[in-house]
Amino acid sequence: MKPEMIKLSLSANVPCGFSNSEGKIQTDAKMTDLLFKLIRTPEMKTLIEKVQTERSPFFVICHLPSDYNKAHKVWQFHFLPLFCSENGYLGTFFHAHAFLFLSPLEYVDGMQPYAVTTEKPNKLFTDKEWEVLFLALHRLNSKEIARRLNIGTRTTDNHLNIIYEKAGVHSACQLRAFGKSKGFERYIPVNLLPRSCVKAIQPVGGAA
């Protein structure tokens, strides 16, 4: 790819970069900052190898720390290999943005995709209560929540009772309505995030 085109691509107001056919990587300041955080993870080597060998589009979802003393942020990286009829593979352009989510029902309701966050919406609940609440808002029952959090069912029920009391509700349906009214569907407790920083490396249009 011509240097002018690479320079133009890197001037975009989003974290982005370009890896040429020889594996040399150029990035803008925002992407440099993200890669600096990602490079300290064991998955970085696998990711770099895939950028240099993959010849079809793919994406990566990962959670990385934001600025100092702030919650982790979930990012989605897109990798787009570029080709030309004369020289074959030119390199891979990549960019990143906050991971956006939208359920099928929310799409039907006319909502727009929104960024998820690991920053607590407020201080109403304890860390464990937030975890229980997150799973309850996704319609898991007490036994399923207990299994996921590796706690007893009775303990889970106690947490739910406290959550109901704090929220001023009396049923799971009311709790979901309360959570939606407060925007809790955008929150993911950080302890529930995957242990691996890189959640998934997926080819576009199918499973890995």
C-alpha atoms as a PDB file:
ATOM      1  CA  MET A   1       0.000   0.000   0.000  1.00  0.00           C
ATOM      2  CA  LYS A   2       1.242   3.474  -0.835  1.00  0.00           C
ATOM      3  CA  PRO A   3       2.650   5.469   2.126  1.00  0.00           C
ATOM      4  CA  GLU A   4       0.136   8.270   1.455  1.00  0.00           C
ATOM      5  CA  MET A   5      -2.768   5.839   1.826  1.00  0.00           C
ATOM      6  CA  ILE A   6      -1.368   4.452   5.080  1.00  0.00           C
ATOM      7  CA  LYS A   7      -0.907   7.977   6.400  1.00  0.00           C
ATOM      8  CA  LEU A   8      -4.487   8.850   5.429  1.00  0.00           C
ATOM      9  CA  SER A   9      -5.828   5.715   7.146  1.00  0.00           C
ATOM     10  CA  LEU A  10      -3.940   6.479  10.340  1.00  0.00           C
ATOM     11  CA  SER A  11      -5.288  10.030  10.407  1.00  0.00           C
ATOM     12  CA  ALA A  12      -8.800   8.759  11.217  1.00  0.00           C
ATOM     13  CA  ASN A  13     -10.150   9.778  14.623  1.00  0.00           C
ATOM     14  CA  VAL A  14     -10.314   6.158  15.819  1.00  0.00           C
ATOM     15  CA  PRO A  15      -7.681   3.734  17.127  1.00  0.00           C
ATOM     16  CA  CYS A  16      -6.280   2.091  13.988  1.00  0.00           C
ATOM     17  CA  GLY A  17      -3.166   0.634  12.422  1.00  0.00           C
ATOM     18  CA  PHE A  18      -1.698  -1.173   9.441  1.00  0.00           C
ATOM     19  CA  SER A  19       0.487  -4.285   9.243  1.00  0.00           C
ATOM     20  CA  ASN A  20       2.217  -4.624   5.863  1.00  0.00           C
ATOM     21  CA  SER A  21       3.033  -7.880   4.056  1.00  0.00           C
ATOM     22  CA  GLU A  22       6.400  -8.037   5.824  1.00  0.00           C
ATOM     23  CA  GLY A  23       4.847  -7.768   9.270  1.00  0.00           C
ATOM     24  CA  LYS A  24       5.856  -4.175   9.978  1.00  0.00           C
ATOM     25  CA  ILE A  25       3.139  -2.487  12.060  1.00  0.00           C
ATOM     26  CA  GLN A  26       2.255   1.210  12.038  1.00  0.00           C
ATOM     27  CA  THR A  27      -0.367   2.613  14.410  1.00  0.00           C
ATOM     28  CA  ASP A  28      -1.849   5.945  15.421  1.00  0.00           C
ATOM     29  CA  ALA A  29      -1.480   7.222  18.984  1.00  0.00           C
ATOM     30  CA  LYS A  30      -4.781   5.761  20.208  1.00  0.00           C
ATOM     31  CA  MET A  31      -4.046   2.282  18.859  1.00  0.00           C
ATOM     32  CA  THR A  32      -0.493   2.450  20.214  1.00  0.00           C
ATOM     33  CA  ASP A  33      -1.946   3.028  23.687  1.00  0.00           C
ATOM     34  CA  LEU A  34      -4.343   0.079  23.344  1.00  0.00           C
ATOM     35  CA  LEU A  35      -1.636  -2.260  22.061  1.00  0.00           C
ATOM     36  CA  PHE A  36       0.648  -1.205  24.926  1.00  0.00           C
ATOM     37  CA  LYS A  37      -2.023  -2.453  27.349  1.00  0.00           C
ATOM     38  CA  LEU A  38      -2.689  -5.576  25.294  1.00  0.00           C
ATOM     39  CA  ILE A  39       0.989  -6.469  24.867  1.00  0.00           C
ATOM     40  CA  ARG A  40       1.229  -7.326  28.576  1.00  0.00           C
ATOM     41  CA  THR A  41      -1.246 -10.175  28.087  1.00  0.00           C
ATOM     42  CA  PRO A  42      -0.244 -13.737  27.074  1.00  0.00           C
ATOM     43  CA  GLU A  43      -2.698 -13.618  24.156  1.00  0.00           C
ATOM     44  CA  MET A  44      -0.784 -10.843  22.364  1.00  0.00           C
ATOM     45  CA  LYS A  45       1.651 -13.259  20.683  1.00  0.00           C
ATOM     46  CA  THR A  46      -1.230 -15.316  19.281  1.00  0.00           C
ATOM     47  CA  LEU A  47      -2.959 -12.182  18.059  1.00  0.00           C
ATOM     48  CA  ILE A  48       0.153 -10.821  16.306  1.00  0.00           C
ATOM     49  CA  GLU A  49       0.738 -14.195  14.630  1.00  0.00           C
ATOM     50  CA  LYS A  50      -2.840 -14.232  13.391  1.00  0.00           C
ATOM     51  CA  VAL A  51      -2.561 -10.680  12.014  1.00  0.00           C
ATOM     52  CA  GLN A  52       0.523 -11.740  10.047  1.00  0.00           C
ATOM     53  CA  THR A  53      -0.889 -15.034   8.718  1.00  0.00           C
ATOM     54  CA  GLU A  54      -4.660 -14.604   8.405  1.00  0.00           C
ATOM     55  CA  ARG A  55      -5.868 -13.778   4.899  1.00  0.00           C
ATOM     56  CA  SER A  56      -9.542 -13.208   5.648  1.00  0.00           C
ATOM     57  CA  PRO A  57     -11.332 -10.620   7.841  1.00  0.00           C
ATOM     58  CA  PHE A  58     -11.655 -11.417  11.545  1.00  0.00           C
ATOM     59  CA  PHE A  59     -12.409  -9.645  14.789  1.00  0.00           C
ATOM     60  CA  VAL A  60     -11.343  -9.846  18.422  1.00  0.00           C
ATOM     61  CA  ILE A  61     -13.257  -8.891  21.577  1.00  0.00           C
ATOM     62  CA  CYS A  62     -11.198  -8.093  24.662  1.00  0.00           C
ATOM     63  CA  HIS A  63     -11.342  -6.079  27.856  1.00  0.00           C
ATOM     64  CA  LEU A  64      -8.539  -3.684  28.669  1.00  0.00           C
ATOM     65  CA  PRO A  65      -7.925  -1.135  31.408  1.00  0.00           C
ATOM     66  CA  SER A  66      -8.905   2.419  30.552  1.00  0.00           C
ATOM     67  CA  ASP A  67      -7.113   5.404  31.999  1.00  0.00           C
ATOM     68  CA  TYR A  68      -5.474   5.197  35.425  1.00  0.00           C
ATOM     69  CA  ASN A  69      -7.789   4.082  38.228  1.00  0.00           C
ATOM     70  CA  LYS A  70     -10.771   3.597  35.895  1.00  0.00           C
ATOM     71  CA  ALA A  71     -12.801   0.484  35.118  1.00  0.00           C
ATOM     72  CA  HIS A  72     -11.854  -1.920  32.325  1.00  0.00           C
ATOM     73  CA  LYS A  73     -13.474  -1.254  28.970  1.00  0.00           C
ATOM     74  CA  VAL A  74     -14.628  -3.874  26.475  1.00  0.00           C
ATOM     75  CA  TRP A  75     -13.160  -3.298  23.006  1.00  0.00           C
ATOM     76  CA  GLN A  76     -13.786  -4.854  19.614  1.00  0.00           C
ATOM     77  CA  PHE A  77     -10.888  -4.976  17.128  1.00  0.00           C
ATOM     78  CA  HIS A  78     -11.549  -5.498  13.402  1.00  0.00           C
ATOM     79  CA  PHE A  79      -8.842  -6.831  11.062  1.00  0.00           C
ATOM     80  CA  LEU A  80      -9.270  -6.382   7.303  1.00  0.00           C
ATOM     81  CA  PRO A  81      -6.658  -7.918   4.940  1.00  0.00           C
ATOM     82  CA  LEU A  82      -6.065  -5.880   1.767  1.00  0.00           C
ATOM     83  CA  PHE A  83      -5.181  -7.281  -1.656  1.00  0.00           C
ATOM     84  CA  CYS A  84      -4.491  -6.058  -5.184  1.00  0.00           C
ATOM     85  CA  SER A  85      -4.482  -7.963  -8.471  1.00  0.00           C
ATOM     86  CA  GLU A  86      -0.853  -7.112  -9.192  1.00  0.00           C
ATOM     87  CA  ASN A  87       0.960  -7.649  -5.906  1.00  0.00           C
ATOM     88  CA  GLY A  88      -1.408  -9.973  -4.030  1.00  0.00           C
ATOM     89  CA  TYR A  89      -1.530  -9.451  -0.258  1.00  0.00           C
ATOM     90  CA  LEU A  90      -0.691  -5.859   0.727  1.00  0.00           C
ATOM     91  CA  GLY A  91      -1.202  -6.052   4.459  1.00  0.00           C
ATOM     92  CA  THR A  92      -3.914  -5.815   7.105  1.00  0.00           C
ATOM     93  CA  PHE A  93      -5.727  -2.681   8.207  1.00  0.00           C
ATOM     94  CA  PHE A  94      -7.158  -2.815  11.738  1.00  0.00           C
ATOM     95  CA  HIS A  95      -9.188  -0.516  13.956  1.00  0.00           C
ATOM     96  CA  ALA A  96     -10.926  -0.652  17.344  1.00  0.00           C
ATOM     97  CA  HIS A  97     -14.028   0.741  19.009  1.00  0.00           C
ATOM     98  CA  ALA A  98     -15.968   0.236  22.203  1.00  0.00           C
ATOM     99  CA  PHE A  99     -17.844  -3.065  22.012  1.00  0.00           C
ATOM    100  CA  LEU A 100     -21.459  -2.346  21.086  1.00  0.00           C
ATOM    101  CA  PHE A 101     -24.333  -4.622  22.048  1.00  0.00           C
ATOM    102  CA  LEU A 102     -27.961  -4.937  20.991  1.00  0.00           C
ATOM    103  CA  SER A 103     -30.288  -7.872  21.638  1.00  0.00           C
ATOM    104  CA  PRO A 104     -32.763  -9.006  18.940  1.00  0.00           C
ATOM    105  CA  LEU A 105     -35.681  -7.723  21.039  1.00  0.00           C
ATOM    106  CA  GLU A 106     -34.021  -4.336  21.512  1.00  0.00           C
ATOM    107  CA  TYR A 107     -33.533  -4.133  17.745  1.00  0.00           C
ATOM    108  CA  VAL A 108     -37.232  -4.902  17.207  1.00  0.00           C
ATOM    109  CA  ASP A 109     -38.029  -2.150  19.733  1.00  0.00           C
ATOM    110  CA  GLY A 110     -36.049   0.319  17.631  1.00  0.00           C
ATOM    111  CA  MET A 111     -33.124   0.784  20.014  1.00  0.00           C
ATOM    112  CA  GLN A 112     -29.589   1.635  18.908  1.00  0.00           C
ATOM    113  CA  PRO A 113     -26.503  -0.426  19.827  1.00  0.00           C
ATOM    114  CA  TYR A 114     -24.871   0.695  23.065  1.00  0.00           C
ATOM    115  CA  ALA A 115     -21.466   0.289  24.674  1.00  0.00           C
ATOM    116  CA  VAL A 116     -21.219  -2.066  27.646  1.00  0.00           C
ATOM    117  CA  THR A 117     -19.298  -1.029  30.734  1.00  0.00           C
ATOM    118  CA  THR A 118     -17.610  -2.598  33.754  1.00  0.00           C
ATOM    119  CA  GLU A 119     -18.076   0.559  35.814  1.00  0.00           C
ATOM    120  CA  LYS A 120     -20.758   0.142  38.477  1.00  0.00           C
ATOM    121  CA  PRO A 121     -23.845   2.280  37.766  1.00  0.00           C
ATOM    122  CA  ASN A 122     -24.081   3.256  41.450  1.00  0.00           C
ATOM    123  CA  LYS A 123     -23.205   2.105  44.976  1.00  0.00           C
ATOM    124  CA  LEU A 124     -26.609   0.653  45.809  1.00  0.00           C
ATOM    125  CA  PHE A 125     -25.375  -2.960  45.817  1.00  0.00           C
ATOM    126  CA  THR A 126     -22.289  -4.841  47.006  1.00  0.00           C
ATOM    127  CA  ASP A 127     -19.956  -6.514  44.508  1.00  0.00           C
ATOM    128  CA  LYS A 128     -21.583  -9.910  45.023  1.00  0.00           C
ATOM    129  CA  GLU A 129     -25.074  -8.423  44.810  1.00  0.00           C
ATOM    130  CA  TRP A 130     -24.162  -6.850  41.473  1.00  0.00           C
ATOM    131  CA  GLU A 131     -23.061 -10.264  40.197  1.00  0.00           C
ATOM    132  CA  VAL A 132     -26.293 -11.890  41.367  1.00  0.00           C
ATOM    133  CA  LEU A 133     -28.331  -9.024  39.930  1.00  0.00           C
ATOM    134  CA  PHE A 134     -26.566  -9.254  36.562  1.00  0.00           C
ATOM    135  CA  LEU A 135     -27.445 -12.923  36.230  1.00  0.00           C
ATOM    136  CA  ALA A 136     -30.982 -12.408  37.539  1.00  0.00           C
ATOM    137  CA  LEU A 137     -31.578  -9.681  34.946  1.00  0.00           C
ATOM    138  CA  HIS A 138     -30.619 -12.274  32.328  1.00  0.00           C
ATOM    139  CA  ARG A 139     -33.389 -14.547  33.628  1.00  0.00           C
ATOM    140  CA  LEU A 140     -31.245 -17.126  35.438  1.00  0.00           C
ATOM    141  CA  ASN A 141     -32.962 -18.765  38.410  1.00  0.00           C
ATOM    142  CA  SER A 142     -31.457 -19.197  41.874  1.00  0.00           C
ATOM    143  CA  LYS A 143     -29.926 -22.594  41.155  1.00  0.00           C
ATOM    144  CA  GLU A 144     -28.346 -21.389  37.921  1.00  0.00           C
ATOM    145  CA  ILE A 145     -26.983 -18.266  39.613  1.00  0.00           C
ATOM    146  CA  ALA A 146     -25.591 -20.325  42.492  1.00  0.00           C
ATOM    147  CA  ARG A 147     -23.858 -22.690  40.068  1.00  0.00           C
ATOM    148  CA  ARG A 148     -22.327 -19.850  38.074  1.00  0.00           C
ATOM    149  CA  LEU A 149     -21.052 -18.010  41.146  1.00  0.00           C
ATOM    150  CA  ASN A 150     -20.063 -21.182  43.002  1.00  0.00           C
ATOM    151  CA  ILE A 151     -22.175 -20.303  46.031  1.00  0.00           C
ATOM    152  CA  GLY A 152     -25.054 -22.032  47.785  1.00  0.00           C
ATOM    153  CA  THR A 153     -28.651 -21.669  46.630  1.00  0.00           C
ATOM    154  CA  ARG A 154     -29.658 -20.371  50.059  1.00  0.00           C
ATOM    155  CA  THR A 155     -26.922 -17.745  49.869  1.00  0.00           C
ATOM    156  CA  THR A 156     -28.171 -16.770  46.431  1.00  0.00           C
ATOM    157  CA  ASP A 157     -31.725 -16.440  47.733  1.00  0.00           C
ATOM    158  CA  ASN A 158     -30.482 -14.242  50.592  1.00  0.00           C
ATOM    159  CA  HIS A 159     -28.708 -11.987  48.099  1.00  0.00           C
ATOM    160  CA  LEU A 160     -31.848 -11.794  45.948  1.00  0.00           C
ATOM    161  CA  ASN A 161     -34.003 -10.883  48.950  1.00  0.00           C
ATOM    162  CA  ILE A 162     -31.636  -8.040  49.835  1.00  0.00           C
ATOM    163  CA  ILE A 163     -31.569  -6.887  46.194  1.00  0.00           C
ATOM    164  CA  TYR A 164     -35.377  -6.908  46.030  1.00  0.00           C
ATOM    165  CA  GLU A 165     -35.534  -4.885  49.236  1.00  0.00           C
ATOM    166  CA  LYS A 166     -32.963  -2.319  48.071  1.00  0.00           C
ATOM    167  CA  ALA A 167     -34.672  -1.980  44.692  1.00  0.00           C
ATOM    168  CA  GLY A 168     -38.136  -1.770  46.247  1.00  0.00           C
ATOM    169  CA  VAL A 169     -39.534  -4.594  44.111  1.00  0.00           C
ATOM    170  CA  HIS A 170     -41.335  -7.855  44.856  1.00  0.00           C
ATOM    171  CA  SER A 171     -40.849 -10.050  41.778  1.00  0.00           C
ATOM    172  CA  ALA A 172     -38.327 -10.969  39.103  1.00  0.00           C
ATOM    173  CA  CYS A 173     -40.426  -9.141  36.517  1.00  0.00           C
ATOM    174  CA  GLN A 174     -40.381  -5.947  38.596  1.00  0.00           C
ATOM    175  CA  LEU A 175     -36.633  -6.366  39.140  1.00  0.00           C
ATOM    176  CA  ARG A 176     -35.984  -6.569  35.382  1.00  0.00           C
ATOM    177  CA  ALA A 177     -38.132  -3.474  34.816  1.00  0.00           C
ATOM    178  CA  PHE A 178     -36.213  -1.667  37.570  1.00  0.00           C
ATOM    179  CA  GLY A 179     -32.868  -2.689  36.068  1.00  0.00           C
ATOM    180  CA  LYS A 180     -33.872  -1.563  32.589  1.00  0.00           C
ATOM    181  CA  SER A 181     -35.097   1.802  33.875  1.00  0.00           C
ATOM    182  CA  LYS A 182     -31.681   2.358  35.479  1.00  0.00           C
ATOM    183  CA  GLY A 183     -29.652   1.183  32.478  1.00  0.00           C
ATOM    184  CA  PHE A 184     -28.234  -1.820  34.334  1.00  0.00           C
ATOM    185  CA  GLU A 185     -28.329  -3.910  31.131  1.00  0.00           C
ATOM    186  CA  ARG A 186     -25.224  -2.013  30.016  1.00  0.00           C
ATOM    187  CA  TYR A 187     -23.173  -3.157  33.018  1.00  0.00           C
ATOM    188  CA  ILE A 188     -21.034  -6.297  33.287  1.00  0.00           C
ATOM    189  CA  PRO A 189     -19.439  -7.055  36.691  1.00  0.00           C
ATOM    190  CA  VAL A 190     -15.697  -7.228  36.113  1.00  0.00           C
ATOM    191  CA  ASN A 191     -15.397 -10.503  38.067  1.00  0.00           C
ATOM    192  CA  LEU A 192     -17.648 -12.175  35.497  1.00  0.00           C
ATOM    193  CA  LEU A 193     -15.451 -11.239  32.546  1.00  0.00           C
ATOM    194  CA  PRO A 194     -13.459 -14.089  30.957  1.00  0.00           C
ATOM    195  CA  ARG A 195     -10.116 -14.861  32.562  1.00  0.00           C
ATOM    196  CA  SER A 196      -8.514 -14.436  29.145  1.00  0.00           C
ATOM    197  CA  CYS A 197      -8.177 -10.834  27.998  1.00  0.00           C
ATOM    198  CA  VAL A 198      -8.930 -11.864  24.425  1.00  0.00           C
ATOM    199  CA  LYS A 199     -12.442 -13.263  24.570  1.00  0.00           C
ATOM    200  CA  ALA A 200     -12.626 -14.603  21.048  1.00  0.00           C
ATOM    201  CA  ILE A 201     -10.909 -14.505  17.682  1.00  0.00           C
ATOM    202  CA  GLN A 202     -13.714 -14.918  15.177  1.00  0.00           C
ATOM    203  CA  PRO A 203     -13.698 -14.932  11.386  1.00  0.00           C
ATOM    204  CA  VAL A 204     -16.257 -12.563   9.962  1.00  0.00           C
ATOM    205  CA  GLY A 205     -19.409 -14.475   9.084  1.00  0.00           C
ATOM    206  CA  GLY A 206     -18.806 -17.608  11.151  1.00  0.00           C
ATOM    207  CA  ALA A 207     -17.371 -19.291  14.242  1.00  0.00           C
ATOM    208  CA  ALA A 208     -13.679 -19.829  14.712  1.00  0.00           C
END
